[in-house]
Amino acid sequence: MKKITIITGHYGSGKTNLSVNLAVKAAEEGKKVAVVDLDLVNPYFRTADFKQLFEDKGIKLIAPDFANTNLDVPSIQFDVEQLAASEDCLIIDVGGDDAGATALGRYAEALLEMLPGDIDMLYVINQRRTLTSNADEAVTLMYEIEAASRMKHTAIVNNTNLGCETSSEIIAESAEFADRVAEKTGLPLAFTTCPEELCSLTGKDGIMPIKVYVRLPWDR
């Protein structure tokens, strides 16, 4: 992982679950990790929901002032320079769509000036998500996020899933979709995620096994 990893994507693409996995993995490798929750639009399924897990793993969490309350006002402040200096890894979980990415744009200049070669901005795609089920839709949204955030993505992450109904077949079938998005954007496909319990894909090239931390109420 680079010093800063920014995670973007459509609502329901699985950004938060990926962010949690990356943070926990880095912490278990002995790195000092901080997670910034920049989801100021959607109050559900965000990294602020995993405060206890992060505390147990020694992960620092920076979340909106009123996260997890019914006073969910878009208000967040964090010191980019201080976090970059004090942490080995800084993971930024950006809110869905271009509206959520606007918050990232506030920090774009400082991030790019500080660590121009040590930032990954990963665009998470999920073929089973409405409004990004084909490559053209996914690419259009990606460019909207870039315009709002004033930053450019560096790679694509294929996180195609269907919640508790995810199967190895669903993931395998998404390969062509992910390749088309990568081709249309000119970006590399960093990896395809796969729930750990689907062992048939674990260990294959380009596959990243992940834990499913984020679950819908009816999946629990």
C-alpha atoms as a PDB file:
ATOM      1  CA  MET A   1       0.000   0.000   0.000  1.00  0.00           C
ATOM      2  CA  LYS A   2       1.056   3.547  -0.647  1.00  0.00           C
ATOM      3  CA  LYS A   3       1.146   6.188   2.070  1.00  0.00           C
ATOM      4  CA  ILE A   4      -2.358   7.387   1.175  1.00  0.00           C
ATOM      5  CA  THR A   5      -5.118   5.208  -0.262  1.00  0.00           C
ATOM      6  CA  ILE A   6      -8.355   6.897  -1.328  1.00  0.00           C
ATOM      7  CA  ILE A   7     -11.414   4.697  -1.902  1.00  0.00           C
ATOM      8  CA  THR A   8     -14.263   5.942  -4.125  1.00  0.00           C
ATOM      9  CA  GLY A   9     -17.255   4.441  -5.904  1.00  0.00           C
ATOM     10  CA  HIS A  10     -21.016   4.363  -6.198  1.00  0.00           C
ATOM     11  CA  TYR A  11     -23.328   3.845  -3.222  1.00  0.00           C
ATOM     12  CA  GLY A  12     -23.392   0.135  -2.424  1.00  0.00           C
ATOM     13  CA  SER A  13     -20.243  -0.662  -4.382  1.00  0.00           C
ATOM     14  CA  GLY A  14     -18.508  -1.882  -1.234  1.00  0.00           C
ATOM     15  CA  LYS A  15     -16.132   1.013  -0.589  1.00  0.00           C
ATOM     16  CA  THR A  16     -16.479   0.835   3.166  1.00  0.00           C
ATOM     17  CA  ASN A  17     -15.948  -2.920   3.404  1.00  0.00           C
ATOM     18  CA  LEU A  18     -12.800  -2.585   1.293  1.00  0.00           C
ATOM     19  CA  SER A  19     -11.557   0.334   3.403  1.00  0.00           C
ATOM     20  CA  VAL A  20     -12.026  -1.673   6.603  1.00  0.00           C
ATOM     21  CA  ASN A  21     -10.200  -4.665   5.130  1.00  0.00           C
ATOM     22  CA  LEU A  22      -7.253  -2.563   3.976  1.00  0.00           C
ATOM     23  CA  ALA A  23      -7.009  -0.820   7.342  1.00  0.00           C
ATOM     24  CA  VAL A  24      -7.141  -4.047   9.363  1.00  0.00           C
ATOM     25  CA  LYS A  25      -4.635  -5.784   7.096  1.00  0.00           C
ATOM     26  CA  ALA A  26      -2.152  -2.905   7.382  1.00  0.00           C
ATOM     27  CA  ALA A  27      -2.573  -2.767  11.168  1.00  0.00           C
ATOM     28  CA  GLU A  28      -1.997  -6.521  11.467  1.00  0.00           C
ATOM     29  CA  GLU A  29       1.245  -6.019   9.514  1.00  0.00           C
ATOM     30  CA  GLY A  30       2.376  -3.694  12.298  1.00  0.00           C
ATOM     31  CA  LYS A  31       1.754  -0.406  10.507  1.00  0.00           C
ATOM     32  CA  LYS A  32       0.332   2.735  12.093  1.00  0.00           C
ATOM     33  CA  VAL A  33      -2.984   3.287  10.342  1.00  0.00           C
ATOM     34  CA  ALA A  34      -5.538   6.088  10.242  1.00  0.00           C
ATOM     35  CA  VAL A  35      -8.903   6.003   8.486  1.00  0.00           C
ATOM     36  CA  VAL A  36     -10.719   9.165   7.462  1.00  0.00           C
ATOM     37  CA  ASP A  37     -14.470   8.754   6.951  1.00  0.00           C
ATOM     38  CA  LEU A  38     -15.411  11.322   4.313  1.00  0.00           C
ATOM     39  CA  ASP A  39     -18.908   9.959   3.807  1.00  0.00           C
ATOM     40  CA  LEU A  40     -20.858  13.105   4.639  1.00  0.00           C
ATOM     41  CA  VAL A  41     -23.883  12.188   2.532  1.00  0.00           C
ATOM     42  CA  ASN A  42     -24.938   8.653   3.389  1.00  0.00           C
ATOM     43  CA  PRO A  43     -25.314   7.883   7.129  1.00  0.00           C
ATOM     44  CA  TYR A  44     -25.386   4.116   6.557  1.00  0.00           C
ATOM     45  CA  PHE A  45     -22.620   1.530   6.177  1.00  0.00           C
ATOM     46  CA  ARG A  46     -19.583   3.714   6.649  1.00  0.00           C
ATOM     47  CA  THR A  47     -16.250   3.366   8.379  1.00  0.00           C
ATOM     48  CA  ALA A  48     -17.482   5.287  11.444  1.00  0.00           C
ATOM     49  CA  ASP A  49     -19.624   2.235  12.215  1.00  0.00           C
ATOM     50  CA  PHE A  50     -16.469   0.236  12.991  1.00  0.00           C
ATOM     51  CA  LYS A  51     -15.099   2.401  15.774  1.00  0.00           C
ATOM     52  CA  GLN A  52     -14.754  -0.497  18.231  1.00  0.00           C
ATOM     53  CA  LEU A  53     -13.024  -2.755  15.703  1.00  0.00           C
ATOM     54  CA  PHE A  54     -10.576   0.023  14.883  1.00  0.00           C
ATOM     55  CA  GLU A  55      -9.878   0.668  18.555  1.00  0.00           C
ATOM     56  CA  ASP A  56      -9.161  -3.034  19.076  1.00  0.00           C
ATOM     57  CA  LYS A  57      -6.704  -2.997  16.160  1.00  0.00           C
ATOM     58  CA  GLY A  58      -5.055   0.288  17.156  1.00  0.00           C
ATOM     59  CA  ILE A  59      -6.428   2.091  14.097  1.00  0.00           C
ATOM     60  CA  LYS A  60      -7.099   5.827  14.374  1.00  0.00           C
ATOM     61  CA  LEU A  61     -10.524   6.943  13.090  1.00  0.00           C
ATOM     62  CA  ILE A  62     -11.358  10.464  11.940  1.00  0.00           C
ATOM     63  CA  ALA A  63     -15.106  10.794  11.312  1.00  0.00           C
ATOM     64  CA  PRO A  64     -17.705  13.568  10.891  1.00  0.00           C
ATOM     65  CA  ASP A  65     -18.423  15.506  14.074  1.00  0.00           C
ATOM     66  CA  PHE A  66     -21.926  14.055  14.347  1.00  0.00           C
ATOM     67  CA  ALA A  67     -21.356  10.597  12.858  1.00  0.00           C
ATOM     68  CA  ASN A  68     -23.754   7.888  14.056  1.00  0.00           C
ATOM     69  CA  THR A  69     -26.242  10.351  15.529  1.00  0.00           C
ATOM     70  CA  ASN A  70     -29.487  11.763  14.159  1.00  0.00           C
ATOM     71  CA  LEU A  71     -27.669  15.104  13.882  1.00  0.00           C
ATOM     72  CA  ASP A  72     -25.597  13.956  10.952  1.00  0.00           C
ATOM     73  CA  VAL A  73     -24.325  17.379   9.852  1.00  0.00           C
ATOM     74  CA  PRO A  74     -21.647  17.426   7.126  1.00  0.00           C
ATOM     75  CA  SER A  75     -18.782  18.642   9.295  1.00  0.00           C
ATOM     76  CA  ILE A  76     -15.290  17.213   9.372  1.00  0.00           C
ATOM     77  CA  GLN A  77     -11.844  18.603  10.003  1.00  0.00           C
ATOM     78  CA  PHE A  78      -8.546  16.769   9.754  1.00  0.00           C
ATOM     79  CA  ASP A  79      -4.915  17.784   9.448  1.00  0.00           C
ATOM     80  CA  VAL A  80      -3.552  16.151   6.301  1.00  0.00           C
ATOM     81  CA  GLU A  81       0.039  17.113   7.013  1.00  0.00           C
ATOM     82  CA  GLN A  82      -0.031  15.823  10.595  1.00  0.00           C
ATOM     83  CA  LEU A  83      -1.651  12.506   9.654  1.00  0.00           C
ATOM     84  CA  ALA A  84       0.730  11.919   6.770  1.00  0.00           C
ATOM     85  CA  ALA A  85       3.681  12.578   9.048  1.00  0.00           C
ATOM     86  CA  SER A  86       2.500  10.457  11.983  1.00  0.00           C
ATOM     87  CA  GLU A  87       0.908   7.439  10.263  1.00  0.00           C
ATOM     88  CA  ASP A  88       2.336   4.768   7.981  1.00  0.00           C
ATOM     89  CA  CYS A  89      -0.961   4.442   6.085  1.00  0.00           C
ATOM     90  CA  LEU A  90      -3.815   6.890   5.642  1.00  0.00           C
ATOM     91  CA  ILE A  91      -7.006   5.416   4.160  1.00  0.00           C
ATOM     92  CA  ILE A  92      -9.731   7.840   3.052  1.00  0.00           C
ATOM     93  CA  ASP A  93     -13.223   6.388   2.566  1.00  0.00           C
ATOM     94  CA  VAL A  94     -15.019   8.827   0.261  1.00  0.00           C
ATOM     95  CA  GLY A  95     -18.805   9.150   0.136  1.00  0.00           C
ATOM     96  CA  GLY A  96     -20.661   7.715  -2.848  1.00  0.00           C
ATOM     97  CA  ASP A  97     -20.943   9.561  -6.136  1.00  0.00           C
ATOM     98  CA  ASP A  98     -19.712  13.037  -7.046  1.00  0.00           C
ATOM     99  CA  ALA A  99     -21.597  14.721  -4.182  1.00  0.00           C
ATOM    100  CA  GLY A 100     -19.607  12.791  -1.608  1.00  0.00           C
ATOM    101  CA  ALA A 101     -16.370  13.347  -3.519  1.00  0.00           C
ATOM    102  CA  THR A 102     -16.767  17.110  -3.176  1.00  0.00           C
ATOM    103  CA  ALA A 103     -15.520  16.808   0.419  1.00  0.00           C
ATOM    104  CA  LEU A 104     -12.310  15.215  -0.862  1.00  0.00           C
ATOM    105  CA  GLY A 105     -11.752  18.140  -3.227  1.00  0.00           C
ATOM    106  CA  ARG A 106     -11.210  20.357  -0.217  1.00  0.00           C
ATOM    107  CA  TYR A 107      -8.007  18.447   0.556  1.00  0.00           C
ATOM    108  CA  ALA A 108      -6.902  17.650  -2.999  1.00  0.00           C
ATOM    109  CA  GLU A 109      -4.300  20.399  -3.356  1.00  0.00           C
ATOM    110  CA  ALA A 110      -2.648  19.647  -0.013  1.00  0.00           C
ATOM    111  CA  LEU A 111      -2.545  15.903  -0.672  1.00  0.00           C
ATOM    112  CA  LEU A 112      -1.104  16.237  -4.161  1.00  0.00           C
ATOM    113  CA  GLU A 113       1.520  18.768  -3.087  1.00  0.00           C
ATOM    114  CA  MET A 114       2.628  16.711  -0.078  1.00  0.00           C
ATOM    115  CA  LEU A 115       2.789  13.223  -1.513  1.00  0.00           C
ATOM    116  CA  PRO A 116       2.409  13.409  -5.296  1.00  0.00           C
ATOM    117  CA  GLY A 117       3.894   9.963  -5.917  1.00  0.00           C
ATOM    118  CA  ASP A 118       2.581   8.154  -2.861  1.00  0.00           C
ATOM    119  CA  ILE A 119      -1.200   8.274  -3.395  1.00  0.00           C
ATOM    120  CA  ASP A 120      -3.484   5.573  -4.753  1.00  0.00           C
ATOM    121  CA  MET A 121      -7.045   6.533  -5.631  1.00  0.00           C
ATOM    122  CA  LEU A 122      -9.010   3.322  -6.175  1.00  0.00           C
ATOM    123  CA  TYR A 123     -12.349   3.319  -7.981  1.00  0.00           C
ATOM    124  CA  VAL A 124     -14.517   0.477  -6.663  1.00  0.00           C
ATOM    125  CA  ILE A 125     -16.977  -1.062  -9.120  1.00  0.00           C
ATOM    126  CA  ASN A 126     -19.781  -3.559  -8.549  1.00  0.00           C
ATOM    127  CA  GLN A 127     -21.517  -4.935 -11.631  1.00  0.00           C
ATOM    128  CA  ARG A 128     -24.480  -6.003  -9.511  1.00  0.00           C
ATOM    129  CA  ARG A 129     -25.129  -2.425  -8.366  1.00  0.00           C
ATOM    130  CA  THR A 130     -27.930  -0.455 -10.039  1.00  0.00           C
ATOM    131  CA  LEU A 131     -26.747   2.481 -12.214  1.00  0.00           C
ATOM    132  CA  THR A 132     -23.228   1.052 -12.655  1.00  0.00           C
ATOM    133  CA  SER A 133     -24.120  -2.356 -14.088  1.00  0.00           C
ATOM    134  CA  ASN A 134     -22.420  -1.682 -17.421  1.00  0.00           C
ATOM    135  CA  ALA A 135     -19.032  -0.251 -18.273  1.00  0.00           C
ATOM    136  CA  ASP A 136     -20.297   3.017 -19.766  1.00  0.00           C
ATOM    137  CA  GLU A 137     -22.297   3.868 -16.638  1.00  0.00           C
ATOM    138  CA  ALA A 138     -19.382   3.003 -14.367  1.00  0.00           C
ATOM    139  CA  VAL A 139     -16.958   5.115 -16.400  1.00  0.00           C
ATOM    140  CA  THR A 140     -19.308   8.119 -16.479  1.00  0.00           C
ATOM    141  CA  LEU A 141     -19.621   8.062 -12.697  1.00  0.00           C
ATOM    142  CA  MET A 142     -15.867   7.747 -12.278  1.00  0.00           C
ATOM    143  CA  TYR A 143     -15.256  10.920 -14.249  1.00  0.00           C
ATOM    144  CA  GLU A 144     -17.950  12.742 -12.229  1.00  0.00           C
ATOM    145  CA  ILE A 145     -16.134  11.760  -9.038  1.00  0.00           C
ATOM    146  CA  GLU A 146     -12.826  12.994 -10.455  1.00  0.00           C
ATOM    147  CA  ALA A 147     -14.351  16.342 -11.406  1.00  0.00           C
ATOM    148  CA  ALA A 148     -15.834  16.814  -7.933  1.00  0.00           C
ATOM    149  CA  SER A 149     -12.721  15.687  -6.045  1.00  0.00           C
ATOM    150  CA  ARG A 150     -10.202  17.401  -8.349  1.00  0.00           C
ATOM    151  CA  MET A 151      -8.127  14.211  -8.240  1.00  0.00           C
ATOM    152  CA  LYS A 152      -7.475  11.382 -10.688  1.00  0.00           C
ATOM    153  CA  HIS A 153      -7.958   7.685 -10.057  1.00  0.00           C
ATOM    154  CA  THR A 154      -4.951   5.403 -10.308  1.00  0.00           C
ATOM    155  CA  ALA A 155      -6.614   1.978 -10.542  1.00  0.00           C
ATOM    156  CA  ILE A 156      -9.882   0.024 -10.642  1.00  0.00           C
ATOM    157  CA  VAL A 157     -11.026  -2.482  -8.010  1.00  0.00           C
ATOM    158  CA  ASN A 158     -13.622  -5.048  -9.042  1.00  0.00           C
ATOM    159  CA  ASN A 159     -15.779  -5.596  -5.953  1.00  0.00           C
ATOM    160  CA  THR A 160     -18.746  -7.225  -7.670  1.00  0.00           C
ATOM    161  CA  ASN A 161     -20.988  -8.907  -5.122  1.00  0.00           C
ATOM    162  CA  LEU A 162     -24.602  -9.595  -4.324  1.00  0.00           C
ATOM    163  CA  GLY A 163     -24.452  -9.540  -0.544  1.00  0.00           C
ATOM    164  CA  CYS A 164     -25.107 -12.904   1.074  1.00  0.00           C
ATOM    165  CA  GLU A 165     -26.021 -14.312  -2.341  1.00  0.00           C
ATOM    166  CA  THR A 166     -22.525 -13.725  -3.730  1.00  0.00           C
ATOM    167  CA  SER A 167     -21.043 -16.797  -5.381  1.00  0.00           C
ATOM    168  CA  SER A 168     -17.774 -17.577  -7.113  1.00  0.00           C
ATOM    169  CA  GLU A 169     -19.758 -17.670 -10.370  1.00  0.00           C
ATOM    170  CA  ILE A 170     -21.013 -14.094  -9.881  1.00  0.00           C
ATOM    171  CA  ILE A 171     -17.457 -12.911  -9.288  1.00  0.00           C
ATOM    172  CA  ALA A 172     -16.075 -14.837 -12.247  1.00  0.00           C
ATOM    173  CA  GLU A 173     -18.812 -13.492 -14.536  1.00  0.00           C
ATOM    174  CA  SER A 174     -17.826  -9.909 -13.632  1.00  0.00           C
ATOM    175  CA  ALA A 175     -14.325 -10.279 -15.082  1.00  0.00           C
ATOM    176  CA  GLU A 176     -15.330  -9.085 -18.550  1.00  0.00           C
ATOM    177  CA  PHE A 177     -17.143  -6.078 -17.083  1.00  0.00           C
ATOM    178  CA  ALA A 178     -14.106  -5.111 -14.986  1.00  0.00           C
ATOM    179  CA  ASP A 179     -11.784  -5.488 -17.965  1.00  0.00           C
ATOM    180  CA  ARG A 180     -14.024  -3.205 -20.064  1.00  0.00           C
ATOM    181  CA  VAL A 181     -14.027  -0.512 -17.382  1.00  0.00           C
ATOM    182  CA  ALA A 182     -10.243  -0.709 -17.141  1.00  0.00           C
ATOM    183  CA  GLU A 183      -9.888  -0.538 -20.912  1.00  0.00           C
ATOM    184  CA  LYS A 184     -12.237   2.443 -21.282  1.00  0.00           C
ATOM    185  CA  THR A 185     -10.504   4.417 -18.530  1.00  0.00           C
ATOM    186  CA  GLY A 186      -6.953   3.388 -19.387  1.00  0.00           C
ATOM    187  CA  LEU A 187      -6.433   2.384 -15.748  1.00  0.00           C
ATOM    188  CA  PRO A 188      -5.080  -0.924 -14.445  1.00  0.00           C
ATOM    189  CA  LEU A 189      -7.338  -3.406 -12.686  1.00  0.00           C
ATOM    190  CA  ALA A 190      -5.662  -3.538  -9.274  1.00  0.00           C
ATOM    191  CA  PHE A 191      -7.492  -6.656  -8.096  1.00  0.00           C
ATOM    192  CA  THR A 192     -10.837  -8.405  -7.774  1.00  0.00           C
ATOM    193  CA  THR A 193     -12.161  -8.974  -4.269  1.00  0.00           C
ATOM    194  CA  CYS A 194     -13.547 -12.280  -3.095  1.00  0.00           C
ATOM    195  CA  PRO A 195     -15.154 -13.167   0.263  1.00  0.00           C
ATOM    196  CA  GLU A 196     -12.830 -15.449   2.197  1.00  0.00           C
ATOM    197  CA  GLU A 197     -15.440 -18.179   2.439  1.00  0.00           C
ATOM    198  CA  LEU A 198     -15.414 -18.593  -1.344  1.00  0.00           C
ATOM    199  CA  CYS A 199     -12.185 -20.547  -1.192  1.00  0.00           C
ATOM    200  CA  SER A 200     -12.245 -21.710  -4.804  1.00  0.00           C
ATOM    201  CA  LEU A 201     -10.944 -18.309  -5.967  1.00  0.00           C
ATOM    202  CA  THR A 202      -8.532 -17.667  -3.111  1.00  0.00           C
ATOM    203  CA  GLY A 203      -4.912 -17.690  -4.224  1.00  0.00           C
ATOM    204  CA  LYS A 204      -5.609 -17.025  -7.895  1.00  0.00           C
ATOM    205  CA  ASP A 205      -3.769 -14.187  -9.614  1.00  0.00           C
ATOM    206  CA  GLY A 206      -5.501 -10.841  -9.211  1.00  0.00           C
ATOM    207  CA  ILE A 207      -7.833 -12.057  -6.445  1.00  0.00           C
ATOM    208  CA  MET A 208      -7.852 -10.386  -3.019  1.00  0.00           C
ATOM    209  CA  PRO A 209      -9.650 -12.378  -0.294  1.00  0.00           C
ATOM    210  CA  ILE A 210     -11.612 -10.102   2.047  1.00  0.00           C
ATOM    211  CA  LYS A 211     -13.705 -10.412   5.182  1.00  0.00           C
ATOM    212  CA  VAL A 212     -17.306  -9.272   4.932  1.00  0.00           C
ATOM    213  CA  TYR A 213     -17.582  -6.707   7.729  1.00  0.00           C
ATOM    214  CA  VAL A 214     -20.449  -4.686   6.237  1.00  0.00           C
ATOM    215  CA  ARG A 215     -23.713  -6.621   6.170  1.00  0.00           C
ATOM    216  CA  LEU A 216     -27.311  -5.638   5.539  1.00  0.00           C
ATOM    217  CA  PRO A 217     -29.605  -6.222   8.542  1.00  0.00           C
ATOM    218  CA  TRP A 218     -31.272  -9.196   6.831  1.00  0.00           C
ATOM    219  CA  ASP A 219     -27.864 -10.775   6.058  1.00  0.00           C
ATOM    220  CA  ARG A 220     -26.750 -10.852   9.702  1.00  0.00           C
END
